């Protein structure tokens, strides 16, 4: 079982365990700590976290800043990738394309998803793997959506 998924299963079963996991995850990539992510789902092919709406992530109009949203999407994608990738492969992000579709006026749930067959391709020189990402307000409105493209290669 991948280390991230194993840690999630162990910590999320404890009281305040998902907060412990979220802090640990943010220590591995400290920039993620700027949004104070609260992971709520981590499983192969899906990860979710919540960005709390607070002054530290606001833009000039008092909504969650676009780059904070992108940071949340990338953190969700990273947890998904680490929980899904076969043990003989590695990944690195190559790019992100997003559209801002509504104002981020509440806490935002960031969701990353893939399909199982995306991870079974022939590695060869490596391949691109698109991860679907979106951020959703408390009322269910999508405020950001797009794709983070990964490069998947053999470990070596």
C-alpha atoms as a PDB file:
ATOM      1  CA  UNK A   1       0.000   0.000   0.000  1.00  0.00           C
ATOM      2  CA  UNK A   2       1.406   3.446  -0.853  1.00  0.00           C
ATOM      3  CA  UNK A   3       2.790   5.334   2.169  1.00  0.00           C
ATOM      4  CA  UNK A   4       0.345   8.268   1.871  1.00  0.00           C
ATOM      5  CA  UNK A   5      -2.662   5.961   1.718  1.00  0.00           C
ATOM      6  CA  UNK A   6      -1.333   3.881   4.607  1.00  0.00           C
ATOM      7  CA  UNK A   7      -0.758   6.991   6.744  1.00  0.00           C
ATOM      8  CA  UNK A   8      -4.246   8.279   5.876  1.00  0.00           C
ATOM      9  CA  UNK A   9      -5.884   5.000   6.891  1.00  0.00           C
ATOM     10  CA  UNK A  10      -4.005   4.937  10.195  1.00  0.00           C
ATOM     11  CA  UNK A  11      -4.503   8.577  11.154  1.00  0.00           C
ATOM     12  CA  UNK A  12      -8.043   9.167   9.890  1.00  0.00           C
ATOM     13  CA  UNK A  13      -9.302   6.385  12.170  1.00  0.00           C
ATOM     14  CA  UNK A  14      -8.131   8.375  15.227  1.00  0.00           C
ATOM     15  CA  UNK A  15      -9.833  11.341  16.892  1.00  0.00           C
ATOM     16  CA  UNK A  16      -8.667  14.448  14.980  1.00  0.00           C
ATOM     17  CA  UNK A  17      -6.680  12.061  12.796  1.00  0.00           C
ATOM     18  CA  UNK A  18      -7.485  13.786   9.510  1.00  0.00           C
ATOM     19  CA  UNK A  19      -6.095  17.024  10.997  1.00  0.00           C
ATOM     20  CA  UNK A  20      -2.931  15.170  12.038  1.00  0.00           C
ATOM     21  CA  UNK A  21      -2.617  13.767   8.520  1.00  0.00           C
ATOM     22  CA  UNK A  22      -3.204  17.200   6.976  1.00  0.00           C
ATOM     23  CA  UNK A  23      -0.440  18.736   9.099  1.00  0.00           C
ATOM     24  CA  UNK A  24       1.960  15.910   8.225  1.00  0.00           C
ATOM     25  CA  UNK A  25       1.153  16.201   4.510  1.00  0.00           C
ATOM     26  CA  UNK A  26       1.782  19.960   4.641  1.00  0.00           C
ATOM     27  CA  UNK A  27       5.173  19.393   6.263  1.00  0.00           C
ATOM     28  CA  UNK A  28       6.271  17.275   3.295  1.00  0.00           C
ATOM     29  CA  UNK A  29       5.498  20.175   0.928  1.00  0.00           C
ATOM     30  CA  UNK A  30       5.426  23.269   3.190  1.00  0.00           C
ATOM     31  CA  UNK A  31       3.790  25.605   0.669  1.00  0.00           C
ATOM     32  CA  UNK A  32       0.576  23.602   1.069  1.00  0.00           C
ATOM     33  CA  UNK A  33       0.431  24.774   4.700  1.00  0.00           C
ATOM     34  CA  UNK A  34      -0.421  28.296   3.487  1.00  0.00           C
ATOM     35  CA  UNK A  35      -3.990  27.174   2.713  1.00  0.00           C
ATOM     36  CA  UNK A  36      -4.360  25.027   5.862  1.00  0.00           C
ATOM     37  CA  UNK A  37      -5.826  22.061   3.966  1.00  0.00           C
ATOM     38  CA  UNK A  38      -8.138  19.654   5.792  1.00  0.00           C
ATOM     39  CA  UNK A  39      -8.139  16.337   3.935  1.00  0.00           C
ATOM     40  CA  UNK A  40     -11.482  14.527   4.042  1.00  0.00           C
ATOM     41  CA  UNK A  41     -11.067  11.719   1.461  1.00  0.00           C
ATOM     42  CA  UNK A  42      -7.988   9.880   0.247  1.00  0.00           C
ATOM     43  CA  UNK A  43      -8.355   6.714  -1.765  1.00  0.00           C
ATOM     44  CA  UNK A  44      -7.026   5.425  -5.056  1.00  0.00           C
ATOM     45  CA  UNK A  45      -8.317   7.654  -7.869  1.00  0.00           C
ATOM     46  CA  UNK A  46      -9.876  10.285  -5.565  1.00  0.00           C
ATOM     47  CA  UNK A  47      -8.774  12.822  -2.994  1.00  0.00           C
ATOM     48  CA  UNK A  48     -10.654  15.676  -1.363  1.00  0.00           C
ATOM     49  CA  UNK A  49      -9.636  18.459   0.958  1.00  0.00           C
ATOM     50  CA  UNK A  50     -11.216  21.620   2.294  1.00  0.00           C
ATOM     51  CA  UNK A  51      -9.631  25.069   2.130  1.00  0.00           C
ATOM     52  CA  UNK A  52     -11.113  27.098   4.985  1.00  0.00           C
ATOM     53  CA  UNK A  53     -12.208  30.566   3.894  1.00  0.00           C
ATOM     54  CA  UNK A  54     -10.174  32.873   6.108  1.00  0.00           C
ATOM     55  CA  UNK A  55      -8.463  36.211   5.728  1.00  0.00           C
ATOM     56  CA  UNK A  56      -5.068  34.631   4.971  1.00  0.00           C
ATOM     57  CA  UNK A  57      -6.340  33.225   1.651  1.00  0.00           C
ATOM     58  CA  UNK A  58      -8.514  36.189   0.603  1.00  0.00           C
ATOM     59  CA  UNK A  59      -8.042  38.295  -2.485  1.00  0.00           C
ATOM     60  CA  UNK A  60      -8.861  42.003  -2.734  1.00  0.00           C
ATOM     61  CA  UNK A  61     -12.640  41.339  -2.887  1.00  0.00           C
ATOM     62  CA  UNK A  62     -12.749  39.013   0.129  1.00  0.00           C
ATOM     63  CA  UNK A  63     -13.153  35.697  -1.685  1.00  0.00           C
ATOM     64  CA  UNK A  64     -10.682  32.800  -1.740  1.00  0.00           C
ATOM     65  CA  UNK A  65      -7.759  33.815  -3.961  1.00  0.00           C
ATOM     66  CA  UNK A  66      -7.330  32.040  -7.307  1.00  0.00           C
ATOM     67  CA  UNK A  67      -3.819  30.849  -6.459  1.00  0.00           C
ATOM     68  CA  UNK A  68      -4.985  29.484  -3.095  1.00  0.00           C
ATOM     69  CA  UNK A  69      -7.561  27.483  -5.073  1.00  0.00           C
ATOM     70  CA  UNK A  70      -4.838  26.181  -7.404  1.00  0.00           C
ATOM     71  CA  UNK A  71      -2.713  25.272  -4.374  1.00  0.00           C
ATOM     72  CA  UNK A  72      -5.636  23.244  -2.978  1.00  0.00           C
ATOM     73  CA  UNK A  73      -6.176  21.482  -6.292  1.00  0.00           C
ATOM     74  CA  UNK A  74      -2.493  20.589  -6.509  1.00  0.00           C
ATOM     75  CA  UNK A  75      -2.466  19.249  -2.931  1.00  0.00           C
ATOM     76  CA  UNK A  76      -5.504  17.067  -3.668  1.00  0.00           C
ATOM     77  CA  UNK A  77      -3.891  15.853  -6.888  1.00  0.00           C
ATOM     78  CA  UNK A  78      -0.661  15.014  -5.032  1.00  0.00           C
ATOM     79  CA  UNK A  79      -2.489  12.944  -2.427  1.00  0.00           C
ATOM     80  CA  UNK A  80      -4.399  11.140  -5.191  1.00  0.00           C
ATOM     81  CA  UNK A  81      -1.220  10.447  -7.186  1.00  0.00           C
ATOM     82  CA  UNK A  82       0.683   9.165  -4.163  1.00  0.00           C
ATOM     83  CA  UNK A  83      -2.247   6.926  -3.221  1.00  0.00           C
ATOM     84  CA  UNK A  84      -2.782   5.546  -6.713  1.00  0.00           C
ATOM     85  CA  UNK A  85       0.498   5.232  -8.603  1.00  0.00           C
ATOM     86  CA  UNK A  86       1.849   1.685  -9.088  1.00  0.00           C
ATOM     87  CA  UNK A  87       4.991   1.021  -7.023  1.00  0.00           C
ATOM     88  CA  UNK A  88       7.291   0.800 -10.069  1.00  0.00           C
ATOM     89  CA  UNK A  89       6.393   4.306 -11.313  1.00  0.00           C
ATOM     90  CA  UNK A  90       6.840   7.916 -10.332  1.00  0.00           C
ATOM     91  CA  UNK A  91       5.051  11.117 -11.251  1.00  0.00           C
ATOM     92  CA  UNK A  92       5.755  14.796 -11.566  1.00  0.00           C
ATOM     93  CA  UNK A  93       3.336  17.581 -12.490  1.00  0.00           C
ATOM     94  CA  UNK A  94       3.821  19.071 -15.956  1.00  0.00           C
ATOM     95  CA  UNK A  95       1.126  21.715 -16.031  1.00  0.00           C
ATOM     96  CA  UNK A  96      -2.235  22.940 -14.897  1.00  0.00           C
ATOM     97  CA  UNK A  97      -5.117  24.411 -16.870  1.00  0.00           C
ATOM     98  CA  UNK A  98      -8.042  25.834 -14.912  1.00  0.00           C
ATOM     99  CA  UNK A  99     -11.108  27.972 -15.407  1.00  0.00           C
ATOM    100  CA  UNK A 100     -12.535  30.145 -12.654  1.00  0.00           C
ATOM    101  CA  UNK A 101     -16.288  29.680 -12.928  1.00  0.00           C
ATOM    102  CA  UNK A 102     -17.752  31.434  -9.854  1.00  0.00           C
ATOM    103  CA  UNK A 103     -16.698  33.427  -6.803  1.00  0.00           C
ATOM    104  CA  UNK A 104     -15.180  31.365  -3.993  1.00  0.00           C
ATOM    105  CA  UNK A 105     -17.276  32.846  -1.181  1.00  0.00           C
ATOM    106  CA  UNK A 106     -17.203  29.929   1.319  1.00  0.00           C
ATOM    107  CA  UNK A 107     -14.861  27.146   2.392  1.00  0.00           C
ATOM    108  CA  UNK A 108     -13.871  25.310  -0.791  1.00  0.00           C
ATOM    109  CA  UNK A 109     -13.741  21.543  -1.252  1.00  0.00           C
ATOM    110  CA  UNK A 110     -10.965  20.633  -3.714  1.00  0.00           C
ATOM    111  CA  UNK A 111     -11.441  17.330  -5.535  1.00  0.00           C
ATOM    112  CA  UNK A 112      -8.997  15.378  -7.711  1.00  0.00           C
ATOM    113  CA  UNK A 113     -10.055  12.293  -9.695  1.00  0.00           C
ATOM    114  CA  UNK A 114      -8.676   9.768 -12.168  1.00  0.00           C
ATOM    115  CA  UNK A 115      -9.914   6.522 -13.701  1.00  0.00           C
ATOM    116  CA  UNK A 116      -8.143   3.199 -12.978  1.00  0.00           C
ATOM    117  CA  UNK A 117      -7.125   2.593 -16.608  1.00  0.00           C
ATOM    118  CA  UNK A 118      -5.163   5.864 -16.666  1.00  0.00           C
ATOM    119  CA  UNK A 119      -2.490   4.302 -14.449  1.00  0.00           C
ATOM    120  CA  UNK A 120      -2.046   1.069 -16.436  1.00  0.00           C
ATOM    121  CA  UNK A 121      -0.482   2.458 -19.621  1.00  0.00           C
ATOM    122  CA  UNK A 122       2.833   1.332 -21.047  1.00  0.00           C
ATOM    123  CA  UNK A 123       5.519   3.440 -19.444  1.00  0.00           C
ATOM    124  CA  UNK A 124       8.238   3.256 -22.125  1.00  0.00           C
ATOM    125  CA  UNK A 125       9.576   6.813 -22.286  1.00  0.00           C
ATOM    126  CA  UNK A 126       6.768   7.894 -19.971  1.00  0.00           C
ATOM    127  CA  UNK A 127       3.296   9.168 -20.632  1.00  0.00           C
ATOM    128  CA  UNK A 128       1.024  12.073 -19.763  1.00  0.00           C
ATOM    129  CA  UNK A 129      -1.777  11.455 -17.310  1.00  0.00           C
ATOM    130  CA  UNK A 130      -4.522  14.086 -16.922  1.00  0.00           C
ATOM    131  CA  UNK A 131      -6.013  14.460 -13.427  1.00  0.00           C
ATOM    132  CA  UNK A 132      -9.465  16.064 -13.294  1.00  0.00           C
ATOM    133  CA  UNK A 133      -9.682  18.739 -10.611  1.00  0.00           C
ATOM    134  CA  UNK A 134     -12.393  21.042  -9.331  1.00  0.00           C
ATOM    135  CA  UNK A 135     -13.215  23.243  -6.363  1.00  0.00           C
ATOM    136  CA  UNK A 136     -16.729  23.453  -4.983  1.00  0.00           C
ATOM    137  CA  UNK A 137     -18.423  25.971  -2.660  1.00  0.00           C
ATOM    138  CA  UNK A 138     -20.539  24.889   0.311  1.00  0.00           C
ATOM    139  CA  UNK A 139     -23.700  25.346  -1.805  1.00  0.00           C
ATOM    140  CA  UNK A 140     -22.408  22.884  -4.449  1.00  0.00           C
ATOM    141  CA  UNK A 141     -21.383  25.523  -7.009  1.00  0.00           C
ATOM    142  CA  UNK A 142     -18.153  24.756  -8.865  1.00  0.00           C
ATOM    143  CA  UNK A 143     -15.819  27.754  -8.551  1.00  0.00           C
ATOM    144  CA  UNK A 144     -12.779  26.334 -10.360  1.00  0.00           C
ATOM    145  CA  UNK A 145     -12.301  23.349 -12.650  1.00  0.00           C
ATOM    146  CA  UNK A 146      -9.621  21.996 -14.876  1.00  0.00           C
ATOM    147  CA  UNK A 147      -6.854  19.488 -15.304  1.00  0.00           C
ATOM    148  CA  UNK A 148      -3.409  18.880 -13.885  1.00  0.00           C
ATOM    149  CA  UNK A 149      -1.228  16.952 -16.309  1.00  0.00           C
ATOM    150  CA  UNK A 150       1.311  14.533 -14.829  1.00  0.00           C
ATOM    151  CA  UNK A 151       4.280  12.876 -16.412  1.00  0.00           C
ATOM    152  CA  UNK A 152       4.408   9.215 -15.347  1.00  0.00           C
ATOM    153  CA  UNK A 153       7.697   7.346 -15.776  1.00  0.00           C
ATOM    154  CA  UNK A 154       9.413   4.229 -14.489  1.00  0.00           C
ATOM    155  CA  UNK A 155      11.291   4.534 -11.230  1.00  0.00           C
ATOM    156  CA  UNK A 156      14.948   4.231 -11.780  1.00  0.00           C
END
